[in-house]
PDB file of N, CA and C in Angstrom:
ATOM      1  N   UNK A   1      94.356  31.122  -3.755  1.00  0.00           N
ATOM      2  CA  UNK A   1      93.831  29.793  -4.010  1.00  0.00           C
ATOM      3  C   UNK A   1      92.959  29.779  -5.261  1.00  0.00           C
ATOM      4  N   UNK A   2      92.201  30.850  -5.439  1.00  0.00           N
ATOM      5  CA  UNK A   2      91.325  30.927  -6.604  1.00  0.00           C
ATOM      6  C   UNK A   2      92.151  31.010  -7.878  1.00  0.00           C
ATOM      7  N   UNK A   3      93.103  31.918  -7.903  1.00  0.00           N
ATOM      8  CA  UNK A   3      93.892  32.135  -9.114  1.00  0.00           C
ATOM      9  C   UNK A   3      94.907  31.027  -9.359  1.00  0.00           C
ATOM     10  N   UNK A   4      95.602  30.597  -8.312  1.00  0.00           N
ATOM     11  CA  UNK A   4      96.671  29.617  -8.493  1.00  0.00           C
ATOM     12  C   UNK A   4      96.182  28.176  -8.581  1.00  0.00           C
ATOM     13  N   UNK A   5      95.158  27.842  -7.797  1.00  0.00           N
ATOM     14  CA  UNK A   5      94.712  26.448  -7.735  1.00  0.00           C
ATOM     15  C   UNK A   5      93.344  26.211  -8.355  1.00  0.00           C
ATOM     16  N   UNK A   6      92.657  27.273  -8.734  1.00  0.00           N
ATOM     17  CA  UNK A   6      91.338  27.124  -9.345  1.00  0.00           C
ATOM     18  C   UNK A   6      90.245  26.764  -8.348  1.00  0.00           C
ATOM     19  N   UNK A   7      90.423  27.139  -7.087  1.00  0.00           N
ATOM     20  CA  UNK A   7      89.428  26.823  -6.067  1.00  0.00           C
ATOM     21  C   UNK A   7      88.095  27.470  -6.400  1.00  0.00           C
ATOM     22  N   UNK A   8      86.991  26.737  -6.190  1.00  0.00           N
ATOM     23  CA  UNK A   8      85.677  27.323  -6.391  1.00  0.00           C
ATOM     24  C   UNK A   8      84.886  27.419  -5.092  1.00  0.00           C
ATOM     25  N   UNK A   9      85.484  26.961  -3.996  1.00  0.00           N
ATOM     26  CA  UNK A   9      84.932  27.128  -2.651  1.00  0.00           C
ATOM     27  C   UNK A   9      86.074  26.928  -1.657  1.00  0.00           C
ATOM     28  N   UNK A  10      85.978  27.578  -0.515  1.00  0.00           N
ATOM     29  CA  UNK A  10      86.968  27.396   0.546  1.00  0.00           C
ATOM     30  C   UNK A  10      86.233  26.898   1.780  1.00  0.00           C
ATOM     31  N   UNK A  11      86.731  25.835   2.369  1.00  0.00           N
ATOM     32  CA  UNK A  11      86.184  25.308   3.609  1.00  0.00           C
ATOM     33  C   UNK A  11      87.234  25.531   4.684  1.00  0.00           C
ATOM     34  N   UNK A  12      86.966  26.462   5.585  1.00  0.00           N
ATOM     35  CA  UNK A  12      87.904  26.690   6.673  1.00  0.00           C
ATOM     36  C   UNK A  12      87.760  25.545   7.673  1.00  0.00           C
ATOM     37  N   UNK A  13      88.850  25.095   8.220  1.00  0.00           N
ATOM     38  CA  UNK A  13      88.810  23.904   9.066  1.00  0.00           C
ATOM     39  C   UNK A  13      89.222  24.180  10.497  1.00  0.00           C
ATOM     40  N   UNK A  14      89.114  25.420  10.903  1.00  0.00           N
ATOM     41  CA  UNK A  14      89.514  25.781  12.258  1.00  0.00           C
ATOM     42  C   UNK A  14      88.420  26.653  12.857  1.00  0.00           C
ATOM     43  N   UNK A  15      88.008  26.345  14.081  1.00  0.00           N
ATOM     44  CA  UNK A  15      86.969  27.147  14.719  1.00  0.00           C
ATOM     45  C   UNK A  15      87.442  28.573  14.978  1.00  0.00           C
ATOM     46  N   UNK A  16      88.736  28.820  14.817  1.00  0.00           N
ATOM     47  CA  UNK A  16      89.241  30.180  14.916  1.00  0.00           C
ATOM     48  C   UNK A  16      88.679  31.071  13.818  1.00  0.00           C
ATOM     49  N   UNK A  17      88.166  30.479  12.745  1.00  0.00           N
ATOM     50  CA  UNK A  17      87.570  31.221  11.642  1.00  0.00           C
ATOM     51  C   UNK A  17      86.061  31.374  11.792  1.00  0.00           C
ATOM     52  N   UNK A  18      85.499  30.836  12.882  1.00  0.00           N
ATOM     53  CA  UNK A  18      84.050  30.900  13.088  1.00  0.00           C
ATOM     54  C   UNK A  18      83.567  32.352  13.054  1.00  0.00           C
ATOM     55  N   UNK A  19      82.575  32.603  12.227  1.00  0.00           N
ATOM     56  CA  UNK A  19      82.001  33.937  12.120  1.00  0.00           C
ATOM     57  C   UNK A  19      82.692  34.870  11.155  1.00  0.00           C
ATOM     58  N   UNK A  20      83.744  34.432  10.511  1.00  0.00           N
ATOM     59  CA  UNK A  20      84.491  35.300   9.603  1.00  0.00           C
ATOM     60  C   UNK A  20      84.149  35.106   8.130  1.00  0.00           C
ATOM     61  N   UNK A  21      83.341  34.096   7.815  1.00  0.00           N
ATOM     62  CA  UNK A  21      83.113  33.771   6.407  1.00  0.00           C
ATOM     63  C   UNK A  21      82.454  34.920   5.646  1.00  0.00           C
ATOM     64  N   UNK A  22      81.525  35.635   6.256  1.00  0.00           N
ATOM     65  CA  UNK A  22      80.867  36.744   5.545  1.00  0.00           C
ATOM     66  C   UNK A  22      81.868  37.833   5.169  1.00  0.00           C
ATOM     67  N   UNK A  23      82.738  38.199   6.109  1.00  0.00           N
ATOM     68  CA  UNK A  23      83.751  39.219   5.811  1.00  0.00           C
ATOM     69  C   UNK A  23      84.727  38.730   4.742  1.00  0.00           C
ATOM     70  N   UNK A  24      85.121  37.470   4.829  1.00  0.00           N
ATOM     71  CA  UNK A  24      86.061  36.933   3.846  1.00  0.00           C
ATOM     72  C   UNK A  24      85.438  36.866   2.455  1.00  0.00           C
ATOM     73  N   UNK A  25      84.145  36.544   2.372  1.00  0.00           N
ATOM     74  CA  UNK A  25      83.490  36.450   1.060  1.00  0.00           C
ATOM     75  C   UNK A  25      83.388  37.807   0.369  1.00  0.00           C
ATOM     76  N   UNK A  26      83.503  38.893   1.117  1.00  0.00           N
ATOM     77  CA  UNK A  26      83.511  40.224   0.502  1.00  0.00           C
ATOM     78  C   UNK A  26      84.822  40.473  -0.225  1.00  0.00           C
ATOM     79  N   UNK A  27      85.841  39.697   0.108  1.00  0.00           N
ATOM     80  CA  UNK A  27      87.177  39.899  -0.467  1.00  0.00           C
ATOM     81  C   UNK A  27      87.528  38.918  -1.583  1.00  0.00           C
ATOM     82  N   UNK A  28      86.816  37.798  -1.645  1.00  0.00           N
ATOM     83  CA  UNK A  28      87.101  36.793  -2.672  1.00  0.00           C
ATOM     84  C   UNK A  28      85.815  36.447  -3.421  1.00  0.00           C
ATOM     85  N   UNK A  29      85.924  36.024  -4.675  1.00  0.00           N
ATOM     86  CA  UNK A  29      84.736  35.799  -5.501  1.00  0.00           C
ATOM     87  C   UNK A  29      84.116  34.398  -5.370  1.00  0.00           C
ATOM     88  N   UNK A  30      84.408  33.688  -4.279  1.00  0.00           N
ATOM     89  CA  UNK A  30      83.872  32.337  -4.119  1.00  0.00           C
ATOM     90  C   UNK A  30      83.283  32.175  -2.722  1.00  0.00           C
ATOM     91  N   UNK A  31      82.414  31.173  -2.536  1.00  0.00           N
ATOM     92  CA  UNK A  31      81.846  30.931  -1.208  1.00  0.00           C
ATOM     93  C   UNK A  31      82.895  30.411  -0.228  1.00  0.00           C
ATOM     94  N   UNK A  32      82.704  30.757   1.039  1.00  0.00           N
ATOM     95  CA  UNK A  32      83.564  30.251   2.095  1.00  0.00           C
ATOM     96  C   UNK A  32      82.667  29.598   3.140  1.00  0.00           C
ATOM     97  N   UNK A  33      82.912  28.331   3.424  1.00  0.00           N
ATOM     98  CA  UNK A  33      82.099  27.574   4.366  1.00  0.00           C
ATOM     99  C   UNK A  33      82.598  27.829   5.784  1.00  0.00           C
ATOM    100  N   UNK A  34      81.697  28.285   6.648  1.00  0.00           N
ATOM    101  CA  UNK A  34      82.020  28.557   8.046  1.00  0.00           C
ATOM    102  C   UNK A  34      81.986  27.238   8.820  1.00  0.00           C
ATOM    103  N   UNK A  35      83.061  26.879   9.523  1.00  0.00           N
ATOM    104  CA  UNK A  35      83.117  25.571  10.183  1.00  0.00           C
ATOM    105  C   UNK A  35      82.085  25.395  11.289  1.00  0.00           C
ATOM    106  N   UNK A  36      81.793  26.451  12.016  1.00  0.00           N
ATOM    107  CA  UNK A  36      80.819  26.340  13.104  1.00  0.00           C
ATOM    108  C   UNK A  36      79.425  26.077  12.591  1.00  0.00           C
ATOM    109  N   UNK A  37      79.001  26.868  11.602  1.00  0.00           N
ATOM    110  CA  UNK A  37      77.665  26.681  11.053  1.00  0.00           C
ATOM    111  C   UNK A  37      77.544  25.374  10.284  1.00  0.00           C
ATOM    112  N   UNK A  38      78.599  24.945   9.643  1.00  0.00           N
ATOM    113  CA  UNK A  38      78.562  23.656   8.940  1.00  0.00           C
ATOM    114  C   UNK A  38      78.330  22.523   9.936  1.00  0.00           C
ATOM    115  N   UNK A  39      78.985  22.580  11.095  1.00  0.00           N
ATOM    116  CA  UNK A  39      78.813  21.551  12.115  1.00  0.00           C
ATOM    117  C   UNK A  39      77.400  21.562  12.680  1.00  0.00           C
ATOM    118  N   UNK A  40      76.874  22.749  12.939  1.00  0.00           N
ATOM    119  CA  UNK A  40      75.514  22.861  13.480  1.00  0.00           C
ATOM    120  C   UNK A  40      74.505  22.319  12.481  1.00  0.00           C
ATOM    121  N   UNK A  41      74.627  22.707  11.226  1.00  0.00           N
ATOM    122  CA  UNK A  41      73.670  22.249  10.202  1.00  0.00           C
ATOM    123  C   UNK A  41      73.765  20.734   9.975  1.00  0.00           C
ATOM    124  N   UNK A  42      74.967  20.192  10.059  1.00  0.00           N
ATOM    125  CA  UNK A  42      75.128  18.744   9.905  1.00  0.00           C
ATOM    126  C   UNK A  42      74.445  18.020  11.053  1.00  0.00           C
ATOM    127  N   UNK A  43      74.605  18.526  12.270  1.00  0.00           N
ATOM    128  CA  UNK A  43      73.941  17.913  13.434  1.00  0.00           C
ATOM    129  C   UNK A  43      72.424  17.998  13.292  1.00  0.00           C
ATOM    130  N   UNK A  44      71.912  19.138  12.849  1.00  0.00           N
ATOM    131  CA  UNK A  44      70.470  19.282  12.639  1.00  0.00           C
ATOM    132  C   UNK A  44      69.961  18.286  11.614  1.00  0.00           C
ATOM    133  N   UNK A  45      70.703  18.123  10.544  1.00  0.00           N
ATOM    134  CA  UNK A  45      70.312  17.179   9.494  1.00  0.00           C
ATOM    135  C   UNK A  45      70.259  15.754  10.031  1.00  0.00           C
ATOM    136  N   UNK A  46      71.251  15.357  10.802  1.00  0.00           N
ATOM    137  CA  UNK A  46      71.271  14.002  11.369  1.00  0.00           C
ATOM    138  C   UNK A  46      70.074  13.778  12.292  1.00  0.00           C
ATOM    139  N   UNK A  47      69.741  14.768  13.102  1.00  0.00           N
ATOM    140  CA  UNK A  47      68.591  14.648  14.010  1.00  0.00           C
ATOM    141  C   UNK A  47      67.304  14.530  13.211  1.00  0.00           C
ATOM    142  N   UNK A  48      67.131  15.370  12.208  1.00  0.00           N
ATOM    143  CA  UNK A  48      65.916  15.330  11.381  1.00  0.00           C
ATOM    144  C   UNK A  48      65.754  13.994  10.662  1.00  0.00           C
ATOM    145  N   UNK A  49      66.862  13.374  10.302  1.00  0.00           N
ATOM    146  CA  UNK A  49      66.817  12.090   9.616  1.00  0.00           C
ATOM    147  C   UNK A  49      66.699  10.920  10.583  1.00  0.00           C
ATOM    148  N   UNK A  50      66.713  11.210  11.878  1.00  0.00           N
ATOM    149  CA  UNK A  50      66.608  10.140  12.867  1.00  0.00           C
ATOM    150  C   UNK A  50      67.893   9.348  13.021  1.00  0.00           C
ATOM    151  N   UNK A  51      68.998   9.940  12.640  1.00  0.00           N
ATOM    152  CA  UNK A  51      70.279   9.242  12.716  1.00  0.00           C
ATOM    153  C   UNK A  51      70.922   9.450  14.081  1.00  0.00           C
ATOM    154  N   UNK A  52      71.767   8.537  14.461  1.00  0.00           N
ATOM    155  CA  UNK A  52      72.546   8.683  15.689  1.00  0.00           C
ATOM    156  C   UNK A  52      73.878   7.978  15.496  1.00  0.00           C
ATOM    157  N   UNK A  53      74.659   7.951  16.544  1.00  0.00           N
ATOM    158  CA  UNK A  53      75.979   7.316  16.467  1.00  0.00           C
ATOM    159  C   UNK A  53      75.836   5.812  16.218  1.00  0.00           C
ATOM    160  N   UNK A  54      76.899   5.194  15.788  1.00  0.00           N
ATOM    161  CA  UNK A  54      76.912   3.754  15.557  1.00  0.00           C
ATOM    162  C   UNK A  54      76.862   3.024  16.896  1.00  0.00           C
ATOM    163  N   UNK A  55      75.815   2.228  17.095  1.00  0.00           N
ATOM    164  CA  UNK A  55      75.692   1.463  18.349  1.00  0.00           C
ATOM    165  C   UNK A  55      76.731   0.341  18.412  1.00  0.00           C
ATOM    166  N   UNK A  56      77.216  -0.085  17.263  1.00  0.00           N
ATOM    167  CA  UNK A  56      78.242  -1.131  17.231  1.00  0.00           C
ATOM    168  C   UNK A  56      79.616  -0.543  17.557  1.00  0.00           C
ATOM    169  N   UNK A  57      79.939   0.568  16.933  1.00  0.00           N
ATOM    170  CA  UNK A  57      81.237   1.196  17.167  1.00  0.00           C
ATOM    171  C   UNK A  57      81.310   1.850  18.537  1.00  0.00           C
ATOM    172  N   UNK A  58      80.222   2.526  18.910  1.00  0.00           N
ATOM    173  CA  UNK A  58      80.166   3.224  20.204  1.00  0.00           C
ATOM    174  C   UNK A  58      79.103   2.573  21.072  1.00  0.00           C
ATOM    175  N   UNK A  59      79.361   1.345  21.456  1.00  0.00           N
ATOM    176  CA  UNK A  59      78.393   0.569  22.233  1.00  0.00           C
ATOM    177  C   UNK A  59      78.319   1.075  23.670  1.00  0.00           C
ATOM    178  N   UNK A  60      77.198   0.766  24.312  1.00  0.00           N
ATOM    179  CA  UNK A  60      77.041   1.089  25.729  1.00  0.00           C
ATOM    180  C   UNK A  60      77.998   0.217  26.549  1.00  0.00           C
ATOM    181  N   UNK A  61      78.562   0.759  27.609  1.00  0.00           N
ATOM    182  CA  UNK A  61      79.419  -0.058  28.470  1.00  0.00           C
ATOM    183  C   UNK A  61      78.611  -1.186  29.101  1.00  0.00           C
ATOM    184  N   UNK A  62      79.248  -2.284  29.375  1.00  0.00           N
ATOM    185  CA  UNK A  62      78.556  -3.403  30.023  1.00  0.00           C
ATOM    186  C   UNK A  62      77.999  -2.962  31.361  1.00  0.00           C
ATOM    187  N   UNK A  63      76.763  -3.364  31.635  1.00  0.00           N
ATOM    188  CA  UNK A  63      76.122  -3.020  32.895  1.00  0.00           C
ATOM    189  C   UNK A  63      75.321  -1.729  32.847  1.00  0.00           C
ATOM    190  N   UNK A  64      75.412  -0.970  31.765  1.00  0.00           N
ATOM    191  CA  UNK A  64      74.644   0.270  31.634  1.00  0.00           C
ATOM    192  C   UNK A  64      73.377  -0.036  30.873  1.00  0.00           C
ATOM    193  N   UNK A  65      72.233   0.367  31.456  1.00  0.00           N
ATOM    194  CA  UNK A  65      70.966   0.092  30.801  1.00  0.00           C
ATOM    195  C   UNK A  65      70.752   1.046  29.640  1.00  0.00           C
ATOM    196  N   UNK A  66      70.217   0.506  28.575  1.00  0.00           N
ATOM    197  CA  UNK A  66      69.925   1.314  27.392  1.00  0.00           C
ATOM    198  C   UNK A  66      68.524   1.895  27.516  1.00  0.00           C
ATOM    199  N   UNK A  67      68.354   3.083  26.944  1.00  0.00           N
ATOM    200  CA  UNK A  67      67.022   3.671  26.909  1.00  0.00           C
ATOM    201  C   UNK A  67      66.223   2.994  25.811  1.00  0.00           C
ATOM    202  N   UNK A  68      64.952   2.808  26.052  1.00  0.00           N
ATOM    203  CA  UNK A  68      64.084   2.156  25.050  1.00  0.00           C
ATOM    204  C   UNK A  68      63.524   3.145  24.075  1.00  0.00           C
TER     205      UNK A  68
END
């Protein structure tokens, strides 16, 4: 990918690659994003920013009380 396509980073998109990015980076000259850690860090960032799911898109079912 680096030589043929000019890739400067690889993002693995399967949890089957979870934990393998360090070993893979020893073999290629570019960073490899680990899907598991990327998901965890994204969730942490959303929590720190006070973000949550869309209340309009993912509304509470009718009859379910919302937390205040």
